[in-house]
Amino acid sequence: MGRLKKLIGARIKEIRTKRGLTQEQLSVKTNIALSTICRLENGINMPREENLEALSKVLDVNIDAFFKFEHYEGDRNSRLIKIFDMLHKLSDEEIVMVQKIITSLLA
């Protein structure tokens, strides 16, 4: 759940900054406490449904826009972390097979 909170928070911040709003302005327009906006954007809290509705209205996006973060997962470091996580779950035999595949790709 922690990763999801961080991704949603990053999307809220990204959309807010694209709209040229400060956290304070968004707080006033949505009637959501500034501290809550900060905690949401920093991935500390998961937004409640009523907050998502208020944010989507003020930021002029559908609620599903807060859950579109494919572009965050496409950077090199994220991909390497995902690969490492997948490798970590493999057996020794499977790791040897993956190593051979990678070696053949790089040859």
N, C-alpha and C. Protein backbone atom coordinates (compact mmCIF):
# COMPACT_ATOMS: atom_id res chain seq x y z
N MET A 1 0.83 -1.20 0.00
CA MET A 1 0.00 0.00 0.00
C MET A 1 0.87 1.25 0.00
N GLY A 2 2.07 1.17 0.59
CA GLY A 2 2.93 2.33 0.67
C GLY A 2 3.32 2.88 -0.69
N ARG A 3 3.64 1.96 -1.62
CA ARG A 3 4.03 2.39 -2.96
C ARG A 3 2.85 3.06 -3.68
N LEU A 4 1.67 2.51 -3.50
CA LEU A 4 0.48 3.09 -4.13
C LEU A 4 0.23 4.50 -3.61
N LYS A 5 0.36 4.69 -2.29
CA LYS A 5 0.16 6.03 -1.72
C LYS A 5 1.16 7.02 -2.32
N LYS A 6 2.39 6.59 -2.49
CA LYS A 6 3.42 7.48 -3.05
C LYS A 6 3.12 7.82 -4.50
N LEU A 7 2.68 6.83 -5.28
CA LEU A 7 2.36 7.07 -6.68
C LEU A 7 1.16 8.01 -6.84
N ILE A 8 0.13 7.79 -6.04
CA ILE A 8 -1.05 8.67 -6.10
C ILE A 8 -0.66 10.07 -5.68
N GLY A 9 0.12 10.18 -4.62
CA GLY A 9 0.59 11.49 -4.17
C GLY A 9 1.40 12.22 -5.23
N ALA A 10 2.25 11.49 -5.91
CA ALA A 10 3.05 12.09 -6.98
C ALA A 10 2.16 12.58 -8.11
N ARG A 11 1.11 11.82 -8.42
CA ARG A 11 0.18 12.24 -9.48
C ARG A 11 -0.59 13.49 -9.08
N ILE A 12 -1.03 13.54 -7.82
CA ILE A 12 -1.74 14.74 -7.35
C ILE A 12 -0.84 15.95 -7.50
N LYS A 13 0.39 15.81 -7.05
CA LYS A 13 1.35 16.93 -7.14
C LYS A 13 1.62 17.31 -8.59
N GLU A 14 1.81 16.30 -9.44
CA GLU A 14 2.08 16.57 -10.85
C GLU A 14 0.93 17.33 -11.50
N ILE A 15 -0.28 16.90 -11.26
CA ILE A 15 -1.45 17.57 -11.85
C ILE A 15 -1.61 18.97 -11.28
N ARG A 16 -1.42 19.10 -9.96
CA ARG A 16 -1.53 20.42 -9.32
C ARG A 16 -0.53 21.41 -9.91
N THR A 17 0.72 20.97 -10.06
CA THR A 17 1.74 21.90 -10.58
C THR A 17 1.49 22.22 -12.06
N LYS A 18 0.96 21.26 -12.82
CA LYS A 18 0.61 21.55 -14.22
C LYS A 18 -0.50 22.59 -14.31
N ARG A 19 -1.35 22.63 -13.29
CA ARG A 19 -2.44 23.62 -13.25
C ARG A 19 -1.96 24.96 -12.68
N GLY A 20 -0.70 25.01 -12.26
CA GLY A 20 -0.13 26.26 -11.74
C GLY A 20 -0.62 26.63 -10.36
N LEU A 21 -1.01 25.64 -9.59
CA LEU A 21 -1.53 25.90 -8.24
C LEU A 21 -0.49 25.54 -7.18
N THR A 22 -0.47 26.31 -6.12
CA THR A 22 0.33 25.95 -4.95
C THR A 22 -0.49 25.01 -4.09
N GLN A 23 0.17 24.38 -3.14
CA GLN A 23 -0.57 23.54 -2.20
C GLN A 23 -1.59 24.36 -1.43
N GLU A 24 -1.20 25.57 -1.07
CA GLU A 24 -2.11 26.45 -0.33
C GLU A 24 -3.35 26.77 -1.15
N GLN A 25 -3.16 27.11 -2.42
CA GLN A 25 -4.30 27.42 -3.28
C GLN A 25 -5.21 26.21 -3.45
N LEU A 26 -4.61 25.04 -3.62
CA LEU A 26 -5.41 23.83 -3.76
C LEU A 26 -6.19 23.55 -2.48
N SER A 27 -5.56 23.80 -1.37
CA SER A 27 -6.22 23.61 -0.07
C SER A 27 -7.46 24.50 0.04
N VAL A 28 -7.32 25.75 -0.31
CA VAL A 28 -8.44 26.69 -0.22
C VAL A 28 -9.55 26.30 -1.19
N LYS A 29 -9.18 25.98 -2.44
CA LYS A 29 -10.19 25.67 -3.46
C LYS A 29 -10.94 24.36 -3.18
N THR A 30 -10.27 23.41 -2.54
CA THR A 30 -10.89 22.11 -2.28
C THR A 30 -11.49 22.01 -0.88
N ASN A 31 -11.15 22.97 -0.04
CA ASN A 31 -11.55 22.91 1.37
C ASN A 31 -10.96 21.68 2.07
N ILE A 32 -9.77 21.30 1.64
CA ILE A 32 -9.02 20.22 2.27
C ILE A 32 -7.86 20.89 3.01
N ALA A 33 -7.64 20.50 4.24
CA ALA A 33 -6.59 21.11 5.06
C ALA A 33 -5.24 21.04 4.35
N LEU A 34 -4.46 22.10 4.46
CA LEU A 34 -3.14 22.15 3.85
C LEU A 34 -2.28 20.97 4.31
N SER A 35 -2.36 20.65 5.57
CA SER A 35 -1.58 19.52 6.09
C SER A 35 -1.97 18.21 5.42
N THR A 36 -3.25 18.07 5.10
CA THR A 36 -3.72 16.87 4.40
C THR A 36 -3.17 16.84 2.98
N ILE A 37 -3.21 17.98 2.30
CA ILE A 37 -2.65 18.06 0.94
C ILE A 37 -1.18 17.65 0.98
N CYS A 38 -0.43 18.17 1.94
CA CYS A 38 0.99 17.83 2.07
C CYS A 38 1.18 16.33 2.30
N ARG A 39 0.40 15.76 3.19
CA ARG A 39 0.53 14.33 3.49
C ARG A 39 0.13 13.48 2.28
N LEU A 40 -0.86 13.92 1.53
CA LEU A 40 -1.25 13.18 0.33
C LEU A 40 -0.14 13.21 -0.71
N GLU A 41 0.38 14.40 -0.99
CA GLU A 41 1.41 14.54 -2.01
C GLU A 41 2.71 13.84 -1.63
N ASN A 42 2.98 13.72 -0.35
CA ASN A 42 4.19 13.04 0.10
C ASN A 42 4.00 11.54 0.28
N GLY A 43 2.81 11.06 -0.06
CA GLY A 43 2.55 9.63 0.01
C GLY A 43 2.43 9.08 1.41
N ILE A 44 2.11 9.95 2.36
CA ILE A 44 1.96 9.52 3.74
C ILE A 44 0.56 8.98 3.99
N ASN A 45 -0.44 9.67 3.43
CA ASN A 45 -1.84 9.26 3.58
C ASN A 45 -2.42 8.84 2.24
N MET A 46 -3.36 7.92 2.32
CA MET A 46 -4.14 7.54 1.14
C MET A 46 -5.35 8.47 1.10
N PRO A 47 -5.63 9.07 -0.06
CA PRO A 47 -6.77 10.01 -0.11
C PRO A 47 -8.10 9.31 0.09
N ARG A 48 -8.98 9.95 0.84
CA ARG A 48 -10.34 9.45 1.01
C ARG A 48 -11.13 9.78 -0.26
N GLU A 49 -12.22 9.08 -0.44
CA GLU A 49 -13.03 9.25 -1.65
C GLU A 49 -13.51 10.69 -1.81
N GLU A 50 -13.97 11.31 -0.72
CA GLU A 50 -14.47 12.68 -0.84
C GLU A 50 -13.34 13.66 -1.21
N ASN A 51 -12.12 13.37 -0.76
CA ASN A 51 -10.99 14.23 -1.13
C ASN A 51 -10.63 14.05 -2.60
N LEU A 52 -10.69 12.80 -3.08
CA LEU A 52 -10.43 12.56 -4.50
C LEU A 52 -11.46 13.29 -5.36
N GLU A 53 -12.70 13.28 -4.93
CA GLU A 53 -13.75 13.98 -5.69
C GLU A 53 -13.49 15.48 -5.71
N ALA A 54 -13.14 16.05 -4.56
CA ALA A 54 -12.86 17.49 -4.50
C ALA A 54 -11.64 17.84 -5.34
N LEU A 55 -10.60 17.03 -5.24
CA LEU A 55 -9.38 17.28 -6.02
C LEU A 55 -9.66 17.19 -7.52
N SER A 56 -10.42 16.18 -7.92
CA SER A 56 -10.69 16.01 -9.35
C SER A 56 -11.51 17.17 -9.90
N LYS A 57 -12.43 17.67 -9.08
CA LYS A 57 -13.26 18.79 -9.52
C LYS A 57 -12.41 20.05 -9.70
N VAL A 58 -11.60 20.36 -8.71
CA VAL A 58 -10.78 21.59 -8.76
C VAL A 58 -9.68 21.48 -9.82
N LEU A 59 -9.08 20.30 -9.93
CA LEU A 59 -7.99 20.12 -10.90
C LEU A 59 -8.50 19.80 -12.29
N ASP A 60 -9.81 19.66 -12.43
CA ASP A 60 -10.46 19.42 -13.72
C ASP A 60 -9.95 18.16 -14.41
N VAL A 61 -9.96 17.06 -13.65
CA VAL A 61 -9.60 15.75 -14.18
C VAL A 61 -10.58 14.72 -13.65
N ASN A 62 -10.68 13.60 -14.35
CA ASN A 62 -11.45 12.48 -13.82
C ASN A 62 -10.67 11.85 -12.68
N ILE A 63 -11.36 11.23 -11.77
CA ILE A 63 -10.69 10.60 -10.63
C ILE A 63 -9.65 9.58 -11.08
N ASP A 64 -9.92 8.89 -12.17
CA ASP A 64 -8.96 7.88 -12.62
C ASP A 64 -7.61 8.48 -13.02
N ALA A 65 -7.55 9.79 -13.25
CA ALA A 65 -6.27 10.43 -13.58
C ALA A 65 -5.27 10.29 -12.44
N PHE A 66 -5.75 10.18 -11.22
CA PHE A 66 -4.85 10.03 -10.07
C PHE A 66 -4.23 8.64 -10.00
N PHE A 67 -4.76 7.71 -10.80
CA PHE A 67 -4.27 6.34 -10.78
C PHE A 67 -3.52 5.98 -12.06
N LYS A 68 -3.17 6.96 -12.85
CA LYS A 68 -2.41 6.73 -14.08
C LYS A 68 -0.96 7.14 -13.82
N PHE A 69 -0.14 6.17 -13.51
CA PHE A 69 1.25 6.47 -13.22
C PHE A 69 2.21 5.53 -13.93
N GLU A 70 1.81 5.07 -15.09
CA GLU A 70 2.68 4.20 -15.87
C GLU A 70 4.00 4.89 -16.19
N HIS A 71 3.94 6.19 -16.45
CA HIS A 71 5.16 6.91 -16.82
C HIS A 71 6.15 6.99 -15.66
N TYR A 72 5.70 6.86 -14.41
CA TYR A 72 6.62 6.85 -13.28
C TYR A 72 7.40 5.53 -13.23
N GLU A 73 6.77 4.48 -13.70
CA GLU A 73 7.39 3.17 -13.61
C GLU A 73 8.26 2.87 -14.82
N GLY A 74 8.37 3.81 -15.73
CA GLY A 74 9.13 3.57 -16.95
C GLY A 74 10.56 4.06 -16.91
N ASP A 75 10.97 4.72 -15.84
CA ASP A 75 12.34 5.21 -15.82
C ASP A 75 13.31 4.07 -15.54
N ARG A 76 14.55 4.28 -15.88
CA ARG A 76 15.58 3.24 -15.81
C ARG A 76 15.70 2.65 -14.41
N ASN A 77 15.78 3.49 -13.40
CA ASN A 77 15.96 2.97 -12.04
C ASN A 77 14.78 2.11 -11.60
N SER A 78 13.56 2.55 -11.92
CA SER A 78 12.38 1.76 -11.56
C SER A 78 12.40 0.40 -12.24
N ARG A 79 12.80 0.39 -13.51
CA ARG A 79 12.86 -0.87 -14.23
C ARG A 79 13.91 -1.80 -13.63
N LEU A 80 15.07 -1.24 -13.29
CA LEU A 80 16.12 -2.07 -12.70
C LEU A 80 15.69 -2.63 -11.34
N ILE A 81 14.99 -1.82 -10.56
CA ILE A 81 14.50 -2.29 -9.27
C ILE A 81 13.49 -3.42 -9.47
N LYS A 82 12.60 -3.25 -10.45
CA LYS A 82 11.62 -4.31 -10.73
C LYS A 82 12.32 -5.60 -11.14
N ILE A 83 13.32 -5.47 -12.00
CA ILE A 83 14.06 -6.66 -12.45
C ILE A 83 14.75 -7.33 -11.27
N PHE A 84 15.39 -6.54 -10.43
CA PHE A 84 16.06 -7.09 -9.26
C PHE A 84 15.06 -7.80 -8.34
N ASP A 85 13.92 -7.19 -8.13
CA ASP A 85 12.89 -7.82 -7.30
C ASP A 85 12.44 -9.15 -7.88
N MET A 86 12.28 -9.20 -9.20
CA MET A 86 11.87 -10.45 -9.84
C MET A 86 12.97 -11.50 -9.70
N LEU A 87 14.22 -11.10 -9.91
CA LEU A 87 15.33 -12.04 -9.80
C LEU A 87 15.46 -12.58 -8.39
N HIS A 88 15.20 -11.75 -7.44
CA HIS A 88 15.34 -12.14 -6.05
C HIS A 88 14.42 -13.30 -5.69
N LYS A 89 13.33 -13.44 -6.41
CA LYS A 89 12.34 -14.49 -6.12
C LYS A 89 12.65 -15.81 -6.84
N LEU A 90 13.64 -15.80 -7.73
CA LEU A 90 13.94 -16.99 -8.53
C LEU A 90 14.79 -17.99 -7.75
N SER A 91 14.70 -19.22 -8.19
CA SER A 91 15.57 -20.27 -7.63
C SER A 91 16.97 -20.11 -8.22
N ASP A 92 17.92 -20.83 -7.67
CA ASP A 92 19.30 -20.77 -8.18
C ASP A 92 19.36 -21.22 -9.64
N GLU A 93 18.62 -22.27 -9.98
CA GLU A 93 18.57 -22.76 -11.36
C GLU A 93 18.04 -21.69 -12.31
N GLU A 94 16.98 -21.03 -11.90
CA GLU A 94 16.37 -20.00 -12.75
C GLU A 94 17.31 -18.81 -12.91
N ILE A 95 18.04 -18.49 -11.88
CA ILE A 95 19.00 -17.38 -11.98
C ILE A 95 20.09 -17.70 -12.98
N VAL A 96 20.57 -18.93 -12.98
CA VAL A 96 21.58 -19.35 -13.95
C VAL A 96 21.03 -19.21 -15.36
N MET A 97 19.78 -19.61 -15.56
CA MET A 97 19.15 -19.51 -16.88
C MET A 97 19.03 -18.04 -17.31
N VAL A 98 18.61 -17.18 -16.40
CA VAL A 98 18.48 -15.75 -16.71
C VAL A 98 19.86 -15.16 -17.04
N GLN A 99 20.87 -15.57 -16.28
CA GLN A 99 22.22 -15.08 -16.54
C GLN A 99 22.67 -15.46 -17.95
N LYS A 100 22.37 -16.68 -18.37
CA LYS A 100 22.73 -17.12 -19.73
C LYS A 100 21.99 -16.30 -20.78
N ILE A 101 20.73 -16.03 -20.53
CA ILE A 101 19.95 -15.22 -21.47
C ILE A 101 20.54 -13.82 -21.59
N ILE A 102 20.83 -13.22 -20.46
CA ILE A 102 21.39 -11.86 -20.47
C ILE A 102 22.75 -11.85 -21.16
N THR A 103 23.57 -12.84 -20.88
CA THR A 103 24.89 -12.94 -21.51
C THR A 103 24.76 -13.03 -23.02
N SER A 104 23.79 -13.83 -23.50
CA SER A 104 23.61 -13.97 -24.94
C SER A 104 23.08 -12.67 -25.56
N LEU A 105 22.28 -11.91 -24.82
CA LEU A 105 21.79 -10.63 -25.33
C LEU A 105 22.90 -9.60 -25.46
N LEU A 106 23.84 -9.65 -24.56
CA LEU A 106 24.92 -8.66 -24.53
C LEU A 106 26.11 -9.04 -25.41
N ALA A 107 26.12 -10.26 -25.92
CA ALA A 107 27.25 -10.73 -26.74
C ALA A 107 27.24 -10.11 -28.12
